[in-house]
Amino acid sequence: MIAALGETTAGPSLPRLRDRMLESVEGRRVLKDRPRVNSNTVEMDKLAQYPEGSFGKAYVTWLERCGVTPDTREPVHYIDDPELAYVMQRYRECHDFYHCICNMPVNVEYELALKYFEFANLGLPMTAIAAVFGPLRLTPEKRARLFSEYVPWALKCGGSARSLITVYWEERWGENVEDMKKEFGIWDPPEPKWRKPLSEAKALAEKRRQAGVPAS
């Protein structure tokens, strides 16, 4: 239902995002190649071979830390124009990259913080709807923290950062994630609360790396 709402309320925002992509050399390549993000196209064991500090390694570590996979995004059903349908699909499939580069866990509180970031950065109506009504699901304490700490960061950072829909993430696995953040104009939010320690996630990523190393 949420995915359908995103499609049916997109309106002129999708042509606007498509135009942003067309204005960017990198974004034009994305529209031309139409890469997809799922476990069939993203080789996790290969990404785990990248050095510490790289975007590829950071993404694998983030997946392990959050206990998620790249296969959680619904296909687009209600957008007839193939190019605009791809723009929506690209937004969905790159959502976890935004989590990763912004150092955000996956739960209601931080999903809402990222929705504010996405609204400021991309302007999709669905992100605004989620940002307005989603906080009702939070406890008063978490709601207060969301609005006092994370929303100011999300609106300022998302509004001034490069439009992330134009990024060809798959070409950047080997790049330093901190350098990417500087390039995009992104800075870290207030320290979030994670369920799984970073050390445990790194250990799982290392286990994946070792499993992917060919026997000598």
N, C-alpha and C. Protein backbone atom coordinates (compact mmCIF):
# COMPACT_ATOMS: atom_id res chain seq x y z
N MET A 1 0.82 -1.21 0.00
CA MET A 1 0.00 0.00 0.00
C MET A 1 0.86 1.26 0.00
N ILE A 2 1.93 1.26 0.81
CA ILE A 2 2.82 2.42 0.87
C ILE A 2 3.48 2.65 -0.48
N ALA A 3 3.92 1.53 -1.11
CA ALA A 3 4.55 1.65 -2.43
C ALA A 3 3.57 2.21 -3.45
N ALA A 4 2.32 1.73 -3.41
CA ALA A 4 1.31 2.23 -4.34
C ALA A 4 1.03 3.71 -4.10
N LEU A 5 0.99 4.11 -2.83
CA LEU A 5 0.78 5.52 -2.51
C LEU A 5 1.89 6.38 -3.09
N GLY A 6 3.12 5.88 -2.99
CA GLY A 6 4.25 6.63 -3.54
C GLY A 6 4.12 6.85 -5.03
N GLU A 7 3.60 5.83 -5.73
CA GLU A 7 3.45 5.94 -7.19
C GLU A 7 2.30 6.87 -7.57
N THR A 8 1.17 6.73 -6.88
CA THR A 8 -0.02 7.48 -7.27
C THR A 8 0.03 8.94 -6.85
N THR A 9 0.91 9.28 -5.92
CA THR A 9 1.02 10.68 -5.49
C THR A 9 2.24 11.39 -6.08
N ALA A 10 3.01 10.68 -6.90
CA ALA A 10 4.28 11.24 -7.38
C ALA A 10 4.09 12.50 -8.23
N GLY A 11 3.04 12.50 -9.07
CA GLY A 11 2.73 13.69 -9.87
C GLY A 11 3.92 14.21 -10.66
N PRO A 12 4.12 15.53 -10.66
CA PRO A 12 5.21 16.13 -11.45
C PRO A 12 6.60 15.94 -10.84
N SER A 13 6.66 15.32 -9.65
CA SER A 13 7.97 15.17 -9.00
C SER A 13 8.87 14.21 -9.78
N LEU A 14 8.31 13.18 -10.39
CA LEU A 14 9.13 12.23 -11.15
C LEU A 14 9.73 12.85 -12.41
N PRO A 15 8.97 13.57 -13.24
CA PRO A 15 9.62 14.27 -14.35
C PRO A 15 10.70 15.24 -13.89
N ARG A 16 10.49 15.87 -12.73
CA ARG A 16 11.49 16.79 -12.20
C ARG A 16 12.77 16.05 -11.83
N LEU A 17 12.62 14.88 -11.20
CA LEU A 17 13.80 14.09 -10.85
C LEU A 17 14.49 13.56 -12.10
N ARG A 18 13.70 13.13 -13.08
CA ARG A 18 14.27 12.67 -14.36
C ARG A 18 15.08 13.79 -15.01
N ASP A 19 14.56 15.00 -14.96
CA ASP A 19 15.27 16.13 -15.55
C ASP A 19 16.57 16.43 -14.81
N ARG A 20 16.56 16.27 -13.49
CA ARG A 20 17.81 16.44 -12.73
C ARG A 20 18.84 15.41 -13.18
N MET A 21 18.39 14.20 -13.40
CA MET A 21 19.31 13.16 -13.86
C MET A 21 19.86 13.50 -15.24
N LEU A 22 19.02 14.01 -16.11
CA LEU A 22 19.46 14.36 -17.46
C LEU A 22 20.45 15.52 -17.45
N GLU A 23 20.38 16.37 -16.44
CA GLU A 23 21.31 17.50 -16.33
C GLU A 23 22.68 17.08 -15.82
N SER A 24 22.80 15.86 -15.33
CA SER A 24 24.04 15.37 -14.73
C SER A 24 24.65 14.29 -15.63
N VAL A 25 25.96 14.37 -15.85
CA VAL A 25 26.64 13.35 -16.65
C VAL A 25 26.44 11.97 -16.02
N GLU A 26 26.61 11.91 -14.72
CA GLU A 26 26.45 10.64 -14.00
C GLU A 26 24.99 10.17 -14.05
N GLY A 27 24.07 11.10 -13.86
CA GLY A 27 22.65 10.75 -13.90
C GLY A 27 22.21 10.26 -15.26
N ARG A 28 22.77 10.85 -16.32
CA ARG A 28 22.42 10.39 -17.68
C ARG A 28 22.88 8.95 -17.89
N ARG A 29 24.03 8.59 -17.34
CA ARG A 29 24.49 7.21 -17.47
C ARG A 29 23.55 6.25 -16.75
N VAL A 30 23.05 6.68 -15.59
CA VAL A 30 22.10 5.84 -14.86
C VAL A 30 20.85 5.61 -15.71
N LEU A 31 20.31 6.67 -16.29
CA LEU A 31 19.11 6.54 -17.12
C LEU A 31 19.37 5.67 -18.35
N LYS A 32 20.56 5.76 -18.90
CA LYS A 32 20.90 4.97 -20.09
C LYS A 32 21.07 3.49 -19.74
N ASP A 33 21.82 3.22 -18.65
CA ASP A 33 22.13 1.83 -18.29
C ASP A 33 21.01 1.15 -17.51
N ARG A 34 20.25 1.94 -16.76
CA ARG A 34 19.17 1.43 -15.90
C ARG A 34 19.62 0.27 -15.01
N PRO A 35 20.65 0.49 -14.20
CA PRO A 35 21.09 -0.58 -13.29
C PRO A 35 20.02 -0.88 -12.25
N ARG A 36 20.01 -2.11 -11.76
CA ARG A 36 19.10 -2.53 -10.71
C ARG A 36 19.91 -2.94 -9.48
N VAL A 37 19.28 -2.82 -8.33
CA VAL A 37 19.94 -3.14 -7.07
C VAL A 37 19.18 -4.28 -6.40
N ASN A 38 19.75 -5.47 -6.45
CA ASN A 38 19.20 -6.63 -5.74
C ASN A 38 20.32 -7.65 -5.59
N SER A 39 20.02 -8.77 -4.96
CA SER A 39 21.08 -9.74 -4.68
C SER A 39 21.57 -10.44 -5.95
N ASN A 40 20.85 -10.30 -7.06
CA ASN A 40 21.32 -10.87 -8.32
C ASN A 40 22.30 -9.95 -9.04
N THR A 41 22.23 -8.66 -8.76
CA THR A 41 23.09 -7.69 -9.46
C THR A 41 24.22 -7.16 -8.59
N VAL A 42 24.07 -7.25 -7.28
CA VAL A 42 25.08 -6.76 -6.35
C VAL A 42 25.75 -7.95 -5.68
N GLU A 43 27.03 -8.16 -5.97
CA GLU A 43 27.75 -9.31 -5.43
C GLU A 43 28.31 -8.96 -4.05
N MET A 44 27.62 -9.40 -3.01
CA MET A 44 28.00 -9.04 -1.65
C MET A 44 29.39 -9.56 -1.28
N ASP A 45 29.68 -10.78 -1.68
CA ASP A 45 31.00 -11.33 -1.35
C ASP A 45 32.11 -10.52 -2.02
N LYS A 46 31.84 -10.02 -3.22
CA LYS A 46 32.82 -9.19 -3.92
C LYS A 46 32.97 -7.84 -3.23
N LEU A 47 31.86 -7.24 -2.81
CA LEU A 47 31.93 -5.96 -2.11
C LEU A 47 32.70 -6.08 -0.80
N ALA A 48 32.57 -7.24 -0.17
CA ALA A 48 33.27 -7.45 1.10
C ALA A 48 34.78 -7.46 0.93
N GLN A 49 35.26 -7.64 -0.32
CA GLN A 49 36.70 -7.64 -0.58
C GLN A 49 37.27 -6.22 -0.62
N TYR A 50 36.41 -5.23 -0.75
CA TYR A 50 36.90 -3.85 -0.82
C TYR A 50 37.51 -3.44 0.51
N PRO A 51 38.45 -2.49 0.48
CA PRO A 51 39.14 -2.09 1.72
C PRO A 51 38.22 -1.36 2.69
N GLU A 52 38.60 -1.38 3.95
CA GLU A 52 37.89 -0.63 4.97
C GLU A 52 37.87 0.85 4.59
N GLY A 53 36.73 1.48 4.75
CA GLY A 53 36.60 2.88 4.39
C GLY A 53 36.00 3.10 3.02
N SER A 54 35.94 2.04 2.20
CA SER A 54 35.34 2.16 0.87
C SER A 54 33.81 2.10 0.99
N PHE A 55 33.14 2.62 -0.02
CA PHE A 55 31.68 2.59 -0.01
C PHE A 55 31.17 1.15 -0.08
N GLY A 56 31.81 0.32 -0.91
CA GLY A 56 31.38 -1.07 -1.02
C GLY A 56 31.44 -1.79 0.31
N LYS A 57 32.55 -1.62 1.02
CA LYS A 57 32.70 -2.28 2.33
C LYS A 57 31.71 -1.69 3.33
N ALA A 58 31.51 -0.38 3.28
CA ALA A 58 30.57 0.27 4.20
C ALA A 58 29.15 -0.25 3.97
N TYR A 59 28.79 -0.47 2.72
CA TYR A 59 27.44 -0.95 2.41
C TYR A 59 27.22 -2.37 2.92
N VAL A 60 28.18 -3.25 2.69
CA VAL A 60 28.06 -4.62 3.19
C VAL A 60 27.98 -4.63 4.71
N THR A 61 28.81 -3.82 5.36
CA THR A 61 28.79 -3.74 6.82
C THR A 61 27.45 -3.21 7.31
N TRP A 62 26.91 -2.22 6.61
CA TRP A 62 25.60 -1.67 7.00
C TRP A 62 24.52 -2.74 6.87
N LEU A 63 24.52 -3.50 5.79
CA LEU A 63 23.54 -4.57 5.62
C LEU A 63 23.63 -5.58 6.76
N GLU A 64 24.85 -5.97 7.11
CA GLU A 64 25.04 -6.93 8.21
C GLU A 64 24.56 -6.34 9.53
N ARG A 65 24.85 -5.08 9.75
CA ARG A 65 24.49 -4.44 11.01
C ARG A 65 22.97 -4.31 11.16
N CYS A 66 22.29 -4.07 10.06
CA CYS A 66 20.83 -3.88 10.10
C CYS A 66 20.07 -5.18 9.87
N GLY A 67 20.77 -6.22 9.41
CA GLY A 67 20.11 -7.50 9.17
C GLY A 67 19.13 -7.45 8.01
N VAL A 68 19.48 -6.73 6.95
CA VAL A 68 18.61 -6.61 5.78
C VAL A 68 19.36 -7.04 4.53
N THR A 69 18.62 -7.15 3.43
CA THR A 69 19.20 -7.51 2.14
C THR A 69 18.76 -6.47 1.10
N PRO A 70 19.34 -6.50 -0.09
CA PRO A 70 18.92 -5.55 -1.14
C PRO A 70 17.61 -5.94 -1.83
N ASP A 71 16.93 -6.97 -1.34
CA ASP A 71 15.77 -7.52 -2.05
C ASP A 71 14.43 -7.14 -1.45
N THR A 72 14.34 -5.98 -0.82
CA THR A 72 13.11 -5.63 -0.10
C THR A 72 12.26 -4.59 -0.83
N ARG A 73 12.61 -4.21 -2.04
CA ARG A 73 11.89 -3.13 -2.72
C ARG A 73 10.87 -3.66 -3.72
N GLU A 74 9.65 -3.15 -3.61
CA GLU A 74 8.56 -3.54 -4.51
C GLU A 74 8.81 -3.02 -5.93
N PRO A 75 8.44 -3.80 -6.94
CA PRO A 75 8.49 -3.27 -8.31
C PRO A 75 7.41 -2.21 -8.51
N VAL A 76 7.62 -1.35 -9.47
CA VAL A 76 6.66 -0.28 -9.78
C VAL A 76 5.50 -0.87 -10.59
N HIS A 77 4.26 -0.50 -10.23
CA HIS A 77 3.08 -1.04 -10.91
C HIS A 77 2.21 0.02 -11.58
N TYR A 78 2.18 1.23 -11.06
CA TYR A 78 1.15 2.19 -11.45
C TYR A 78 1.68 3.41 -12.20
N ILE A 79 2.87 3.31 -12.75
CA ILE A 79 3.42 4.41 -13.55
C ILE A 79 3.63 3.89 -14.96
N ASP A 80 2.92 4.45 -15.92
CA ASP A 80 2.92 3.92 -17.28
C ASP A 80 4.18 4.27 -18.07
N ASP A 81 4.69 5.46 -17.89
CA ASP A 81 5.88 5.88 -18.64
C ASP A 81 7.09 5.06 -18.18
N PRO A 82 7.74 4.30 -19.07
CA PRO A 82 8.83 3.42 -18.66
C PRO A 82 10.00 4.16 -18.00
N GLU A 83 10.33 5.33 -18.52
CA GLU A 83 11.46 6.07 -17.96
C GLU A 83 11.13 6.59 -16.56
N LEU A 84 9.93 7.11 -16.38
CA LEU A 84 9.53 7.61 -15.06
C LEU A 84 9.36 6.45 -14.08
N ALA A 85 8.88 5.31 -14.58
CA ALA A 85 8.77 4.13 -13.72
C ALA A 85 10.15 3.72 -13.23
N TYR A 86 11.15 3.82 -14.12
CA TYR A 86 12.51 3.48 -13.68
C TYR A 86 13.02 4.47 -12.64
N VAL A 87 12.73 5.75 -12.79
CA VAL A 87 13.16 6.74 -11.81
C VAL A 87 12.61 6.39 -10.43
N MET A 88 11.33 6.00 -10.36
CA MET A 88 10.75 5.59 -9.09
C MET A 88 11.41 4.32 -8.56
N GLN A 89 11.65 3.36 -9.45
CA GLN A 89 12.30 2.12 -9.04
C GLN A 89 13.71 2.40 -8.53
N ARG A 90 14.40 3.30 -9.21
CA ARG A 90 15.76 3.66 -8.80
C ARG A 90 15.75 4.29 -7.41
N TYR A 91 14.80 5.18 -7.18
CA TYR A 91 14.69 5.79 -5.85
C TYR A 91 14.51 4.70 -4.79
N ARG A 92 13.60 3.78 -5.03
CA ARG A 92 13.34 2.73 -4.05
C ARG A 92 14.59 1.89 -3.78
N GLU A 93 15.24 1.47 -4.85
CA GLU A 93 16.35 0.54 -4.70
C GLU A 93 17.60 1.20 -4.14
N CYS A 94 17.70 2.53 -4.24
CA CYS A 94 18.86 3.23 -3.70
C CYS A 94 18.62 3.77 -2.29
N HIS A 95 17.41 3.56 -1.77
CA HIS A 95 17.06 4.07 -0.44
C HIS A 95 18.06 3.61 0.62
N ASP A 96 18.46 2.34 0.55
CA ASP A 96 19.40 1.83 1.55
C ASP A 96 20.79 2.44 1.41
N PHE A 97 21.16 2.87 0.21
CA PHE A 97 22.42 3.59 0.05
C PHE A 97 22.38 4.90 0.83
N TYR A 98 21.20 5.54 0.86
CA TYR A 98 21.06 6.78 1.62
C TYR A 98 21.23 6.49 3.11
N HIS A 99 20.62 5.40 3.57
CA HIS A 99 20.81 4.99 4.96
C HIS A 99 22.30 4.81 5.26
N CYS A 100 22.98 4.11 4.37
CA CYS A 100 24.39 3.78 4.58
C CYS A 100 25.25 5.03 4.64
N ILE A 101 25.11 5.90 3.66
CA ILE A 101 26.01 7.06 3.59
C ILE A 101 25.67 8.09 4.67
N CYS A 102 24.42 8.06 5.16
CA CYS A 102 24.03 8.96 6.25
C CYS A 102 24.20 8.32 7.62
N ASN A 103 24.68 7.07 7.64
CA ASN A 103 24.93 6.36 8.90
C ASN A 103 23.65 6.24 9.73
N MET A 104 22.60 5.72 9.11
CA MET A 104 21.29 5.60 9.75
C MET A 104 20.87 4.14 9.86
N PRO A 105 20.42 3.68 11.04
CA PRO A 105 19.86 2.34 11.17
C PRO A 105 18.50 2.24 10.49
N VAL A 106 17.89 1.05 10.60
CA VAL A 106 16.56 0.82 10.03
C VAL A 106 15.58 0.56 11.18
N ASN A 107 14.83 1.55 11.54
CA ASN A 107 13.67 1.41 12.42
C ASN A 107 12.78 2.63 12.18
N VAL A 108 11.65 2.69 12.85
CA VAL A 108 10.68 3.74 12.53
C VAL A 108 11.27 5.13 12.72
N GLU A 109 11.96 5.34 13.83
CA GLU A 109 12.50 6.67 14.13
C GLU A 109 13.46 7.15 13.05
N TYR A 110 14.39 6.29 12.65
CA TYR A 110 15.40 6.72 11.69
C TYR A 110 14.89 6.67 10.26
N GLU A 111 13.91 5.81 9.99
CA GLU A 111 13.26 5.86 8.68
C GLU A 111 12.58 7.21 8.48
N LEU A 112 11.94 7.70 9.53
CA LEU A 112 11.28 9.00 9.43
C LEU A 112 12.29 10.12 9.25
N ALA A 113 13.39 10.04 9.97
CA ALA A 113 14.44 11.05 9.78
C ALA A 113 14.91 11.07 8.33
N LEU A 114 15.07 9.87 7.76
CA LEU A 114 15.52 9.80 6.37
C LEU A 114 14.43 10.27 5.40
N LYS A 115 13.17 10.07 5.77
CA LYS A 115 12.09 10.58 4.92
C LYS A 115 12.13 12.11 4.85
N TYR A 116 12.43 12.77 5.96
CA TYR A 116 12.59 14.23 5.94
C TYR A 116 13.77 14.60 5.05
N PHE A 117 14.87 13.84 5.15
CA PHE A 117 16.04 14.08 4.31
C PHE A 117 15.67 13.93 2.84
N GLU A 118 14.96 12.84 2.52
CA GLU A 118 14.58 12.58 1.13
C GLU A 118 13.63 13.65 0.59
N PHE A 119 12.70 14.10 1.43
CA PHE A 119 11.79 15.15 0.97
C PHE A 119 12.57 16.42 0.62
N ALA A 120 13.52 16.78 1.49
CA ALA A 120 14.32 17.98 1.23
C ALA A 120 15.21 17.79 0.01
N ASN A 121 15.68 16.57 -0.22
CA ASN A 121 16.63 16.31 -1.29
C ASN A 121 15.95 16.00 -2.63
N LEU A 122 14.81 15.29 -2.58
CA LEU A 122 14.18 14.80 -3.80
C LEU A 122 12.81 15.39 -4.07
N GLY A 123 12.09 15.78 -3.02
CA GLY A 123 10.79 16.41 -3.20
C GLY A 123 9.65 15.47 -3.53
N LEU A 124 9.79 14.16 -3.27
CA LEU A 124 8.69 13.23 -3.53
C LEU A 124 7.57 13.42 -2.51
N PRO A 125 6.32 13.59 -2.96
CA PRO A 125 5.22 13.81 -2.02
C PRO A 125 5.07 12.71 -0.98
N MET A 126 5.32 11.45 -1.39
CA MET A 126 5.16 10.34 -0.46
C MET A 126 6.07 10.49 0.76
N THR A 127 7.27 11.04 0.56
CA THR A 127 8.17 11.23 1.69
C THR A 127 7.62 12.28 2.65
N ALA A 128 6.94 13.28 2.11
CA ALA A 128 6.33 14.30 2.97
C ALA A 128 5.17 13.72 3.76
N ILE A 129 4.36 12.88 3.10
CA ILE A 129 3.22 12.25 3.79
C ILE A 129 3.72 11.39 4.94
N ALA A 130 4.76 10.59 4.67
CA ALA A 130 5.33 9.74 5.73
C ALA A 130 5.90 10.59 6.85
N ALA A 131 6.55 11.70 6.50
CA ALA A 131 7.17 12.56 7.50
C ALA A 131 6.12 13.22 8.40
N VAL A 132 4.95 13.53 7.83
CA VAL A 132 3.90 14.20 8.61
C VAL A 132 3.17 13.22 9.53
N PHE A 133 2.78 12.06 9.00
CA PHE A 133 1.95 11.14 9.77
C PHE A 133 2.76 10.07 10.51
N GLY A 134 3.95 9.75 10.03
CA GLY A 134 4.75 8.71 10.65
C GLY A 134 5.09 8.94 12.11
N PRO A 135 5.40 10.18 12.52
CA PRO A 135 5.76 10.41 13.92
C PRO A 135 4.68 10.01 14.92
N LEU A 136 3.43 9.87 14.47
CA LEU A 136 2.36 9.44 15.38
C LEU A 136 2.60 8.03 15.90
N ARG A 137 3.46 7.27 15.22
CA ARG A 137 3.76 5.90 15.64
C ARG A 137 4.84 5.86 16.72
N LEU A 138 5.47 6.98 16.99
CA LEU A 138 6.57 7.02 17.95
C LEU A 138 6.09 7.33 19.37
N THR A 139 6.88 6.92 20.34
CA THR A 139 6.62 7.32 21.72
C THR A 139 6.89 8.82 21.84
N PRO A 140 6.32 9.49 22.84
CA PRO A 140 6.60 10.92 23.02
C PRO A 140 8.09 11.24 23.10
N GLU A 141 8.85 10.37 23.77
CA GLU A 141 10.29 10.61 23.90
C GLU A 141 10.99 10.55 22.55
N LYS A 142 10.68 9.52 21.76
CA LYS A 142 11.31 9.39 20.45
C LYS A 142 10.84 10.49 19.49
N ARG A 143 9.58 10.87 19.62
CA ARG A 143 9.06 11.94 18.76
C ARG A 143 9.78 13.25 19.06
N ALA A 144 9.99 13.51 20.34
CA ALA A 144 10.70 14.74 20.72
C ALA A 144 12.12 14.73 20.19
N ARG A 145 12.79 13.56 20.27
CA ARG A 145 14.16 13.46 19.76
C ARG A 145 14.19 13.63 18.25
N LEU A 146 13.20 13.04 17.57
CA LEU A 146 13.14 13.17 16.11
C LEU A 146 13.09 14.64 15.70
N PHE A 147 12.21 15.41 16.33
CA PHE A 147 12.01 16.80 15.92
C PHE A 147 13.10 17.74 16.44
N SER A 148 13.71 17.40 17.56
CA SER A 148 14.72 18.30 18.11
C SER A 148 16.11 18.03 17.54
N GLU A 149 16.40 16.77 17.17
CA GLU A 149 17.74 16.41 16.73
C GLU A 149 17.83 16.06 15.25
N TYR A 150 16.92 15.20 14.79
CA TYR A 150 17.10 14.64 13.45
C TYR A 150 16.44 15.44 12.34
N VAL A 151 15.27 15.99 12.59
CA VAL A 151 14.60 16.77 11.54
C VAL A 151 15.41 18.00 11.13
N PRO A 152 15.96 18.77 12.08
CA PRO A 152 16.79 19.92 11.65
C PRO A 152 17.97 19.49 10.79
N TRP A 153 18.63 18.38 11.19
CA TRP A 153 19.73 17.86 10.36
C TRP A 153 19.22 17.45 8.99
N ALA A 154 18.11 16.70 8.94
CA ALA A 154 17.60 16.16 7.69
C ALA A 154 17.23 17.26 6.70
N LEU A 155 16.54 18.28 7.17
CA LEU A 155 16.11 19.35 6.27
C LEU A 155 17.28 20.18 5.77
N LYS A 156 18.22 20.46 6.66
CA LYS A 156 19.37 21.28 6.26
C LYS A 156 20.31 20.49 5.35
N CYS A 157 20.64 19.27 5.76
CA CYS A 157 21.57 18.46 4.98
C CYS A 157 20.94 18.02 3.66
N GLY A 158 19.72 17.50 3.73
CA GLY A 158 19.05 17.05 2.51
C GLY A 158 18.79 18.17 1.53
N GLY A 159 18.48 19.37 2.06
CA GLY A 159 18.18 20.50 1.18
C GLY A 159 19.40 21.09 0.50
N SER A 160 20.57 20.92 1.10
CA SER A 160 21.78 21.51 0.52
C SER A 160 22.64 20.49 -0.22
N ALA A 161 22.41 19.19 0.01
CA ALA A 161 23.24 18.15 -0.60
C ALA A 161 22.91 17.99 -2.08
N ARG A 162 23.84 17.40 -2.79
CA ARG A 162 23.58 17.03 -4.19
C ARG A 162 22.36 16.12 -4.27
N SER A 163 21.59 16.23 -5.32
CA SER A 163 20.43 15.36 -5.51
C SER A 163 20.92 13.92 -5.68
N LEU A 164 20.62 13.07 -4.70
CA LEU A 164 21.20 11.73 -4.69
C LEU A 164 20.64 10.83 -5.78
N ILE A 165 19.54 11.22 -6.41
CA ILE A 165 18.99 10.42 -7.51
C ILE A 165 19.95 10.42 -8.70
N THR A 166 20.88 11.36 -8.74
CA THR A 166 21.81 11.47 -9.87
C THR A 166 23.07 10.63 -9.68
N VAL A 167 23.21 9.97 -8.55
CA VAL A 167 24.45 9.24 -8.24
C VAL A 167 24.41 7.84 -8.85
N TYR A 168 25.49 7.47 -9.52
CA TYR A 168 25.63 6.10 -10.05
C TYR A 168 26.41 5.32 -8.99
N TRP A 169 25.70 4.85 -7.99
CA TRP A 169 26.33 4.24 -6.81
C TRP A 169 27.20 3.04 -7.18
N GLU A 170 26.75 2.27 -8.16
CA GLU A 170 27.47 1.05 -8.52
C GLU A 170 28.84 1.33 -9.12
N GLU A 171 29.08 2.55 -9.58
CA GLU A 171 30.40 2.90 -10.10
C GLU A 171 31.33 3.38 -9.00
N ARG A 172 30.83 3.44 -7.77
CA ARG A 172 31.58 4.07 -6.69
C ARG A 172 31.93 3.11 -5.55
N TRP A 173 31.78 1.80 -5.77
CA TRP A 173 32.06 0.86 -4.69
C TRP A 173 33.44 1.05 -4.10
N GLY A 174 34.43 1.33 -4.92
CA GLY A 174 35.80 1.42 -4.44
C GLY A 174 36.19 2.77 -3.88
N GLU A 175 35.31 3.75 -3.96
CA GLU A 175 35.65 5.10 -3.48
C GLU A 175 35.55 5.20 -1.96
N ASN A 176 36.31 6.11 -1.40
CA ASN A 176 36.26 6.35 0.04
C ASN A 176 34.94 6.99 0.41
N VAL A 177 34.24 6.41 1.36
CA VAL A 177 32.89 6.88 1.67
C VAL A 177 32.91 8.29 2.26
N GLU A 178 33.96 8.64 3.00
CA GLU A 178 34.03 9.99 3.56
C GLU A 178 34.27 11.02 2.46
N ASP A 179 35.06 10.65 1.46
CA ASP A 179 35.26 11.55 0.31
C ASP A 179 33.95 11.74 -0.46
N MET A 180 33.17 10.67 -0.58
CA MET A 180 31.88 10.78 -1.26
C MET A 180 30.95 11.73 -0.51
N LYS A 181 30.93 11.63 0.80
CA LYS A 181 30.07 12.50 1.60
C LYS A 181 30.46 13.97 1.41
N LYS A 182 31.75 14.22 1.37
CA LYS A 182 32.21 15.60 1.13
C LYS A 182 31.78 16.07 -0.26
N GLU A 183 31.93 15.20 -1.25
CA GLU A 183 31.54 15.55 -2.62
C GLU A 183 30.05 15.86 -2.71
N PHE A 184 29.23 15.08 -2.01
CA PHE A 184 27.78 15.25 -2.08
C PHE A 184 27.27 16.34 -1.14
N GLY A 185 28.11 16.79 -0.21
CA GLY A 185 27.67 17.78 0.76
C GLY A 185 26.85 17.19 1.88
N ILE A 186 27.20 15.97 2.30
CA ILE A 186 26.49 15.27 3.37
C ILE A 186 27.35 15.23 4.62
N TRP A 187 26.75 15.49 5.75
CA TRP A 187 27.44 15.32 7.03
C TRP A 187 26.60 14.42 7.92
N ASP A 188 27.24 13.81 8.93
CA ASP A 188 26.56 12.84 9.77
C ASP A 188 25.47 13.47 10.63
N PRO A 189 24.39 12.73 10.86
CA PRO A 189 23.35 13.19 11.78
C PRO A 189 23.82 13.00 13.22
N PRO A 190 23.05 13.46 14.20
CA PRO A 190 23.36 13.13 15.60
C PRO A 190 23.49 11.61 15.74
N GLU A 191 24.35 11.17 16.62
CA GLU A 191 24.66 9.75 16.77
C GLU A 191 23.39 8.93 16.99
N PRO A 192 23.09 7.99 16.08
CA PRO A 192 21.90 7.15 16.26
C PRO A 192 22.16 6.00 17.23
N LYS A 193 21.09 5.33 17.61
CA LYS A 193 21.19 4.17 18.49
C LYS A 193 21.01 2.91 17.65
N TRP A 194 22.05 2.08 17.65
CA TRP A 194 22.04 0.85 16.86
C TRP A 194 21.76 -0.34 17.76
N ARG A 195 21.07 -1.33 17.21
CA ARG A 195 20.83 -2.57 17.96
C ARG A 195 22.06 -3.46 17.96
N LYS A 196 22.77 -3.48 16.85
CA LYS A 196 23.94 -4.35 16.72
C LYS A 196 25.20 -3.51 16.75
N PRO A 197 26.19 -3.87 17.58
CA PRO A 197 27.45 -3.10 17.62
C PRO A 197 28.16 -3.14 16.27
N LEU A 198 28.88 -2.07 15.96
CA LEU A 198 29.61 -2.00 14.70
C LEU A 198 30.64 -3.11 14.61
N SER A 199 31.27 -3.45 15.73
CA SER A 199 32.29 -4.50 15.73
C SER A 199 31.71 -5.84 15.29
N GLU A 200 30.48 -6.12 15.70
CA GLU A 200 29.83 -7.38 15.30
C GLU A 200 29.53 -7.38 13.81
N ALA A 201 29.06 -6.25 13.29
CA ALA A 201 28.77 -6.15 11.86
C ALA A 201 30.04 -6.28 11.04
N LYS A 202 31.13 -5.67 11.51
CA LYS A 202 32.40 -5.78 10.80
C LYS A 202 32.91 -7.22 10.80
N ALA A 203 32.68 -7.94 11.91
CA ALA A 203 33.09 -9.33 11.98
C ALA A 203 32.31 -10.17 10.96
N LEU A 204 31.03 -9.90 10.81
CA LEU A 204 30.22 -10.62 9.82
C LEU A 204 30.65 -10.28 8.40
N ALA A 205 30.99 -9.01 8.16
CA ALA A 205 31.47 -8.61 6.84
C ALA A 205 32.81 -9.28 6.54
N GLU A 206 33.66 -9.40 7.55
CA GLU A 206 34.95 -10.06 7.36
C GLU A 206 34.76 -11.55 7.07
N LYS A 207 33.79 -12.16 7.74
CA LYS A 207 33.49 -13.56 7.47
C LYS A 207 33.03 -13.74 6.03
N ARG A 208 32.22 -12.81 5.55
CA ARG A 208 31.78 -12.85 4.16
C ARG A 208 32.97 -12.67 3.22
N ARG A 209 33.88 -11.75 3.58
CA ARG A 209 35.06 -11.51 2.75
C ARG A 209 35.89 -12.77 2.62
N GLN A 210 36.12 -13.44 3.75
CA GLN A 210 36.94 -14.65 3.74
C GLN A 210 36.28 -15.77 2.94
N ALA A 211 34.95 -15.82 3.02
CA ALA A 211 34.22 -16.85 2.27
C ALA A 211 34.33 -16.62 0.77
N GLY A 212 34.55 -15.36 0.38
CA GLY A 212 34.62 -15.03 -1.04
C GLY A 212 36.02 -15.09 -1.62
N VAL A 213 37.03 -15.33 -0.79
CA VAL A 213 38.42 -15.41 -1.26
C VAL A 213 38.67 -16.78 -1.87
N PRO A 214 39.11 -16.86 -3.13
CA PRO A 214 39.37 -18.16 -3.75
C PRO A 214 40.47 -18.91 -3.01
N ALA A 215 40.35 -20.22 -2.95
CA ALA A 215 41.37 -21.05 -2.30
C ALA A 215 42.66 -20.98 -3.10
N SER A 216 43.78 -20.91 -2.39
CA SER A 216 45.08 -20.82 -3.08
C SER A 216 45.60 -22.21 -3.41
